[in-house]
Amino acid sequence: MSIFDEGRQALAAAAAMATEPVSVTIGSTTVAIQARVGQKVFRTHAGPAEVCVMARRFIVRTADLPALPGNRDSLVWKGRKFRLGCPDGGPPWRWHGNDNQNIAIYVTDLGAAPESK
């Protein structure tokens, strides 16, 4: 095994330890998966002014999802519901890493999630 393979394995193990449970609804399918939670700053324009928007992002493995998410799909994390959507108007996800195995999903906070029955 090369030093690069060892490094990849160490990074994968560290990433797995830094995950939290989330529930993602894509279309009518809901799945419970693990995600790394973070934030990203987007710069956008509101008329002549540049505005910085802090967006919550969830890094997930594409293999854990039934399909790639779209705008208006939803996510629940720590009792809060989020609508998927990117502040810059693009799709709600971007590739994360160089191997196309992970995506970063960007969301808008909708408040407390309704109680599940």
N, C-alpha and C. Protein backbone atom coordinates (compact mmCIF):
# COMPACT_ATOMS: atom_id res chain seq x y z
N MET A 1 0.85 -1.18 0.00
CA MET A 1 0.00 0.00 0.00
C MET A 1 0.89 1.24 0.00
N SER A 2 0.54 2.20 -0.84
CA SER A 2 1.35 3.41 -0.94
C SER A 2 1.01 4.39 0.18
N ILE A 3 1.86 5.36 0.38
CA ILE A 3 1.61 6.40 1.38
C ILE A 3 0.35 7.19 1.03
N PHE A 4 0.03 7.31 -0.27
CA PHE A 4 -1.17 8.04 -0.69
C PHE A 4 -2.44 7.26 -0.31
N ASP A 5 -2.39 5.94 -0.49
CA ASP A 5 -3.53 5.11 -0.10
C ASP A 5 -3.74 5.16 1.41
N GLU A 6 -2.65 5.13 2.16
CA GLU A 6 -2.75 5.23 3.63
C GLU A 6 -3.35 6.58 4.02
N GLY A 7 -2.94 7.64 3.35
CA GLY A 7 -3.49 8.96 3.63
C GLY A 7 -4.97 9.05 3.34
N ARG A 8 -5.40 8.46 2.21
CA ARG A 8 -6.82 8.43 1.86
C ARG A 8 -7.64 7.69 2.91
N GLN A 9 -7.11 6.56 3.38
CA GLN A 9 -7.81 5.79 4.40
C GLN A 9 -7.90 6.56 5.72
N ALA A 10 -6.83 7.25 6.09
CA ALA A 10 -6.84 8.03 7.32
C ALA A 10 -7.84 9.18 7.23
N LEU A 11 -7.89 9.84 6.07
CA LEU A 11 -8.86 10.93 5.88
C LEU A 11 -10.29 10.40 5.92
N ALA A 12 -10.54 9.26 5.30
CA ALA A 12 -11.88 8.67 5.30
C ALA A 12 -12.31 8.31 6.72
N ALA A 13 -11.40 7.77 7.52
CA ALA A 13 -11.71 7.40 8.90
C ALA A 13 -12.01 8.65 9.74
N ALA A 14 -11.23 9.70 9.56
CA ALA A 14 -11.46 10.95 10.30
C ALA A 14 -12.79 11.57 9.90
N ALA A 15 -13.12 11.55 8.61
CA ALA A 15 -14.39 12.10 8.13
C ALA A 15 -15.57 11.32 8.70
N ALA A 16 -15.44 10.01 8.77
CA ALA A 16 -16.53 9.18 9.30
C ALA A 16 -16.79 9.49 10.77
N MET A 17 -15.74 9.80 11.54
CA MET A 17 -15.91 10.13 12.95
C MET A 17 -16.54 11.50 13.15
N ALA A 18 -16.50 12.36 12.15
CA ALA A 18 -17.00 13.72 12.27
C ALA A 18 -18.42 13.88 11.72
N THR A 19 -19.15 12.78 11.55
CA THR A 19 -20.48 12.86 10.96
C THR A 19 -21.57 12.92 12.03
N GLU A 20 -22.73 13.40 11.60
CA GLU A 20 -23.92 13.48 12.46
C GLU A 20 -25.10 12.94 11.67
N PRO A 21 -26.11 12.40 12.36
CA PRO A 21 -27.28 11.87 11.64
C PRO A 21 -28.17 12.99 11.11
N VAL A 22 -28.63 12.83 9.87
CA VAL A 22 -29.60 13.73 9.25
C VAL A 22 -30.62 12.89 8.50
N SER A 23 -31.74 13.48 8.22
CA SER A 23 -32.78 12.83 7.43
C SER A 23 -33.01 13.69 6.19
N VAL A 24 -32.88 13.10 5.01
CA VAL A 24 -33.02 13.83 3.75
C VAL A 24 -34.23 13.31 3.00
N THR A 25 -35.09 14.22 2.53
CA THR A 25 -36.23 13.85 1.70
C THR A 25 -35.98 14.35 0.30
N ILE A 26 -35.86 13.42 -0.65
CA ILE A 26 -35.65 13.74 -2.06
C ILE A 26 -36.88 13.23 -2.80
N GLY A 27 -37.66 14.16 -3.33
CA GLY A 27 -38.94 13.78 -3.92
C GLY A 27 -39.84 13.26 -2.81
N SER A 28 -40.28 12.01 -2.91
CA SER A 28 -41.13 11.43 -1.87
C SER A 28 -40.37 10.39 -1.04
N THR A 29 -39.06 10.27 -1.25
CA THR A 29 -38.25 9.28 -0.54
C THR A 29 -37.45 9.95 0.57
N THR A 30 -37.57 9.43 1.78
CA THR A 30 -36.81 9.93 2.93
C THR A 30 -35.80 8.89 3.36
N VAL A 31 -34.54 9.31 3.55
CA VAL A 31 -33.49 8.41 4.01
C VAL A 31 -32.78 9.04 5.20
N ALA A 32 -32.37 8.19 6.13
CA ALA A 32 -31.56 8.62 7.27
C ALA A 32 -30.11 8.30 6.92
N ILE A 33 -29.27 9.33 6.93
CA ILE A 33 -27.87 9.17 6.55
C ILE A 33 -26.97 9.92 7.53
N GLN A 34 -25.68 9.80 7.33
CA GLN A 34 -24.68 10.53 8.11
C GLN A 34 -24.13 11.66 7.24
N ALA A 35 -23.86 12.81 7.86
CA ALA A 35 -23.34 13.97 7.14
C ALA A 35 -22.34 14.72 8.00
N ARG A 36 -21.35 15.32 7.33
CA ARG A 36 -20.47 16.26 8.01
C ARG A 36 -21.11 17.63 7.85
N VAL A 37 -21.25 18.35 8.95
CA VAL A 37 -21.98 19.61 8.96
C VAL A 37 -20.99 20.76 9.04
N GLY A 38 -21.20 21.76 8.21
CA GLY A 38 -20.33 22.94 8.21
C GLY A 38 -21.06 24.16 7.66
N GLN A 39 -20.28 25.16 7.29
CA GLN A 39 -20.82 26.39 6.73
C GLN A 39 -19.94 26.86 5.59
N LYS A 40 -20.51 27.69 4.72
CA LYS A 40 -19.75 28.28 3.64
C LYS A 40 -20.28 29.69 3.39
N VAL A 41 -19.38 30.60 3.05
CA VAL A 41 -19.77 31.97 2.72
C VAL A 41 -19.95 32.08 1.22
N PHE A 42 -21.11 32.62 0.81
CA PHE A 42 -21.37 32.91 -0.59
C PHE A 42 -21.41 34.41 -0.75
N ARG A 43 -20.81 34.91 -1.81
CA ARG A 43 -20.90 36.33 -2.14
C ARG A 43 -21.86 36.46 -3.32
N THR A 44 -22.87 37.28 -3.14
CA THR A 44 -23.86 37.50 -4.18
C THR A 44 -24.16 38.99 -4.25
N HIS A 45 -24.98 39.41 -5.19
CA HIS A 45 -25.28 40.82 -5.36
C HIS A 45 -26.77 41.08 -5.12
N ALA A 46 -27.04 42.15 -4.39
CA ALA A 46 -28.40 42.64 -4.18
C ALA A 46 -28.41 44.05 -4.75
N GLY A 47 -28.75 44.17 -6.02
CA GLY A 47 -28.64 45.46 -6.71
C GLY A 47 -27.17 45.77 -6.88
N PRO A 48 -26.76 46.99 -6.56
CA PRO A 48 -25.35 47.36 -6.72
C PRO A 48 -24.43 46.88 -5.59
N ALA A 49 -25.03 46.38 -4.51
CA ALA A 49 -24.23 45.99 -3.34
C ALA A 49 -23.88 44.51 -3.37
N GLU A 50 -22.66 44.21 -2.91
CA GLU A 50 -22.27 42.81 -2.73
C GLU A 50 -22.68 42.38 -1.33
N VAL A 51 -23.30 41.22 -1.24
CA VAL A 51 -23.80 40.72 0.03
C VAL A 51 -23.13 39.37 0.31
N CYS A 52 -22.71 39.17 1.56
CA CYS A 52 -22.16 37.88 1.97
C CYS A 52 -23.25 37.11 2.72
N VAL A 53 -23.46 35.88 2.31
CA VAL A 53 -24.47 35.02 2.92
C VAL A 53 -23.77 33.79 3.48
N MET A 54 -24.01 33.51 4.76
CA MET A 54 -23.46 32.31 5.38
C MET A 54 -24.48 31.19 5.22
N ALA A 55 -24.11 30.14 4.53
CA ALA A 55 -25.02 29.02 4.27
C ALA A 55 -24.55 27.78 5.02
N ARG A 56 -25.49 27.05 5.56
CA ARG A 56 -25.18 25.77 6.21
C ARG A 56 -24.99 24.75 5.09
N ARG A 57 -24.01 23.86 5.25
CA ARG A 57 -23.81 22.81 4.25
C ARG A 57 -23.64 21.47 4.95
N PHE A 58 -24.09 20.43 4.24
CA PHE A 58 -24.03 19.06 4.72
C PHE A 58 -23.28 18.24 3.68
N ILE A 59 -22.17 17.66 4.06
CA ILE A 59 -21.37 16.86 3.13
C ILE A 59 -21.78 15.40 3.32
N VAL A 60 -22.27 14.79 2.24
CA VAL A 60 -22.78 13.42 2.29
C VAL A 60 -22.20 12.59 1.16
N ARG A 61 -22.25 11.27 1.35
CA ARG A 61 -21.81 10.36 0.28
C ARG A 61 -22.95 10.19 -0.72
N THR A 62 -22.65 10.29 -2.00
CA THR A 62 -23.69 10.13 -3.01
C THR A 62 -24.28 8.72 -2.97
N ALA A 63 -23.49 7.73 -2.58
CA ALA A 63 -23.99 6.36 -2.52
C ALA A 63 -25.09 6.19 -1.47
N ASP A 64 -25.18 7.11 -0.49
CA ASP A 64 -26.21 7.02 0.56
C ASP A 64 -27.54 7.62 0.13
N LEU A 65 -27.57 8.32 -1.01
CA LEU A 65 -28.77 9.02 -1.46
C LEU A 65 -29.48 8.21 -2.56
N PRO A 66 -30.83 8.29 -2.60
CA PRO A 66 -31.55 7.60 -3.68
C PRO A 66 -31.37 8.28 -5.03
N ALA A 67 -31.08 9.58 -5.03
CA ALA A 67 -30.87 10.38 -6.25
C ALA A 67 -30.18 11.67 -5.82
N LEU A 68 -29.68 12.43 -6.79
CA LEU A 68 -29.12 13.73 -6.45
C LEU A 68 -30.27 14.66 -6.07
N PRO A 69 -30.11 15.47 -5.03
CA PRO A 69 -31.20 16.31 -4.56
C PRO A 69 -31.46 17.49 -5.48
N GLY A 70 -32.67 18.01 -5.39
CA GLY A 70 -33.06 19.19 -6.16
C GLY A 70 -33.50 20.30 -5.24
N ASN A 71 -33.67 21.49 -5.81
CA ASN A 71 -34.20 22.61 -5.03
C ASN A 71 -35.57 22.23 -4.49
N ARG A 72 -35.83 22.66 -3.29
CA ARG A 72 -37.09 22.42 -2.59
C ARG A 72 -37.21 21.04 -1.95
N ASP A 73 -36.21 20.15 -2.12
CA ASP A 73 -36.18 18.94 -1.30
C ASP A 73 -35.88 19.40 0.12
N SER A 74 -35.94 18.52 1.10
CA SER A 74 -35.74 18.97 2.48
C SER A 74 -34.80 18.07 3.25
N LEU A 75 -34.36 18.59 4.40
CA LEU A 75 -33.41 17.91 5.27
C LEU A 75 -33.77 18.26 6.70
N VAL A 76 -33.67 17.30 7.62
CA VAL A 76 -33.89 17.55 9.05
C VAL A 76 -32.62 17.20 9.79
N TRP A 77 -32.19 18.13 10.66
CA TRP A 77 -30.97 17.95 11.46
C TRP A 77 -31.19 18.59 12.83
N LYS A 78 -30.97 17.84 13.88
CA LYS A 78 -31.10 18.32 15.26
C LYS A 78 -32.45 19.01 15.51
N GLY A 79 -33.52 18.43 14.98
CA GLY A 79 -34.85 18.97 15.23
C GLY A 79 -35.20 20.20 14.41
N ARG A 80 -34.38 20.57 13.46
CA ARG A 80 -34.67 21.73 12.60
C ARG A 80 -34.84 21.25 11.17
N LYS A 81 -35.76 21.88 10.46
CA LYS A 81 -36.02 21.52 9.07
C LYS A 81 -35.36 22.55 8.16
N PHE A 82 -34.79 22.07 7.07
CA PHE A 82 -34.11 22.91 6.10
C PHE A 82 -34.64 22.62 4.70
N ARG A 83 -34.75 23.65 3.87
CA ARG A 83 -35.09 23.48 2.46
C ARG A 83 -33.79 23.53 1.67
N LEU A 84 -33.60 22.60 0.75
CA LEU A 84 -32.39 22.59 -0.05
C LEU A 84 -32.44 23.71 -1.08
N GLY A 85 -31.35 24.41 -1.20
CA GLY A 85 -31.26 25.51 -2.16
C GLY A 85 -29.98 26.27 -1.91
N CYS A 86 -29.35 26.71 -2.97
CA CYS A 86 -28.07 27.41 -2.88
C CYS A 86 -28.30 28.92 -2.95
N PRO A 87 -27.64 29.71 -2.11
CA PRO A 87 -27.84 31.15 -2.11
C PRO A 87 -27.51 31.84 -3.44
N ASP A 88 -26.65 31.23 -4.26
CA ASP A 88 -26.30 31.87 -5.52
C ASP A 88 -27.25 31.50 -6.66
N GLY A 89 -28.33 30.79 -6.33
CA GLY A 89 -29.34 30.47 -7.33
C GLY A 89 -29.07 29.20 -8.12
N GLY A 90 -27.98 28.53 -7.88
CA GLY A 90 -27.66 27.31 -8.60
C GLY A 90 -28.33 26.10 -7.97
N PRO A 91 -27.90 24.91 -8.38
CA PRO A 91 -28.45 23.70 -7.76
C PRO A 91 -28.06 23.65 -6.29
N PRO A 92 -28.77 22.86 -5.48
CA PRO A 92 -28.51 22.86 -4.04
C PRO A 92 -27.29 22.05 -3.63
N TRP A 93 -26.57 21.51 -4.58
CA TRP A 93 -25.39 20.71 -4.23
C TRP A 93 -24.24 21.02 -5.17
N ARG A 94 -23.04 20.72 -4.68
CA ARG A 94 -21.81 20.82 -5.47
C ARG A 94 -20.97 19.58 -5.14
N TRP A 95 -20.15 19.16 -6.09
CA TRP A 95 -19.24 18.05 -5.79
C TRP A 95 -18.30 18.48 -4.68
N HIS A 96 -17.97 17.56 -3.80
CA HIS A 96 -17.03 17.82 -2.72
C HIS A 96 -15.89 16.81 -2.85
N GLY A 97 -14.71 17.28 -3.06
CA GLY A 97 -13.57 16.39 -3.27
C GLY A 97 -13.38 16.15 -4.76
N ASN A 98 -12.37 15.38 -5.08
CA ASN A 98 -12.05 15.17 -6.50
C ASN A 98 -12.41 13.79 -7.02
N ASP A 99 -13.16 13.02 -6.22
CA ASP A 99 -13.48 11.66 -6.65
C ASP A 99 -14.96 11.45 -6.97
N ASN A 100 -15.76 12.50 -6.92
CA ASN A 100 -17.20 12.44 -7.22
C ASN A 100 -17.94 11.40 -6.38
N GLN A 101 -17.50 11.23 -5.13
CA GLN A 101 -18.18 10.31 -4.22
C GLN A 101 -18.94 11.05 -3.14
N ASN A 102 -18.66 12.35 -2.98
CA ASN A 102 -19.32 13.16 -1.96
C ASN A 102 -19.86 14.44 -2.58
N ILE A 103 -20.97 14.93 -2.00
CA ILE A 103 -21.49 16.23 -2.41
C ILE A 103 -21.70 17.08 -1.17
N ALA A 104 -21.65 18.38 -1.35
CA ALA A 104 -22.01 19.33 -0.30
C ALA A 104 -23.39 19.85 -0.65
N ILE A 105 -24.34 19.68 0.27
CA ILE A 105 -25.71 20.13 0.07
C ILE A 105 -25.89 21.44 0.84
N TYR A 106 -26.42 22.46 0.17
CA TYR A 106 -26.64 23.77 0.79
C TYR A 106 -28.11 23.95 1.09
N VAL A 107 -28.41 24.58 2.24
CA VAL A 107 -29.79 24.63 2.73
C VAL A 107 -30.15 26.00 3.28
N THR A 108 -31.48 26.21 3.43
CA THR A 108 -32.05 27.37 4.10
C THR A 108 -32.83 26.86 5.30
N ASP A 109 -32.60 27.47 6.46
CA ASP A 109 -33.26 27.04 7.70
C ASP A 109 -34.73 27.44 7.67
N LEU A 110 -35.62 26.47 7.91
CA LEU A 110 -37.06 26.74 7.96
C LEU A 110 -37.60 26.73 9.38
N GLY A 111 -36.78 26.48 10.37
CA GLY A 111 -37.22 26.48 11.77
C GLY A 111 -37.37 25.08 12.31
N ALA A 112 -38.08 24.98 13.43
CA ALA A 112 -38.25 23.70 14.11
C ALA A 112 -39.01 22.72 13.22
N ALA A 113 -38.53 21.49 13.18
CA ALA A 113 -39.20 20.44 12.39
C ALA A 113 -40.46 20.01 13.10
N PRO A 114 -41.51 19.69 12.34
CA PRO A 114 -42.72 19.16 12.98
C PRO A 114 -42.40 17.83 13.65
N GLU A 115 -43.09 17.57 14.74
CA GLU A 115 -42.86 16.32 15.47
C GLU A 115 -43.26 15.14 14.60
N SER A 116 -42.39 14.13 14.54
CA SER A 116 -42.72 12.92 13.78
C SER A 116 -43.66 12.06 14.61
N LYS A 117 -44.62 11.44 13.93
CA LYS A 117 -45.62 10.63 14.64
C LYS A 117 -45.39 9.18 14.39
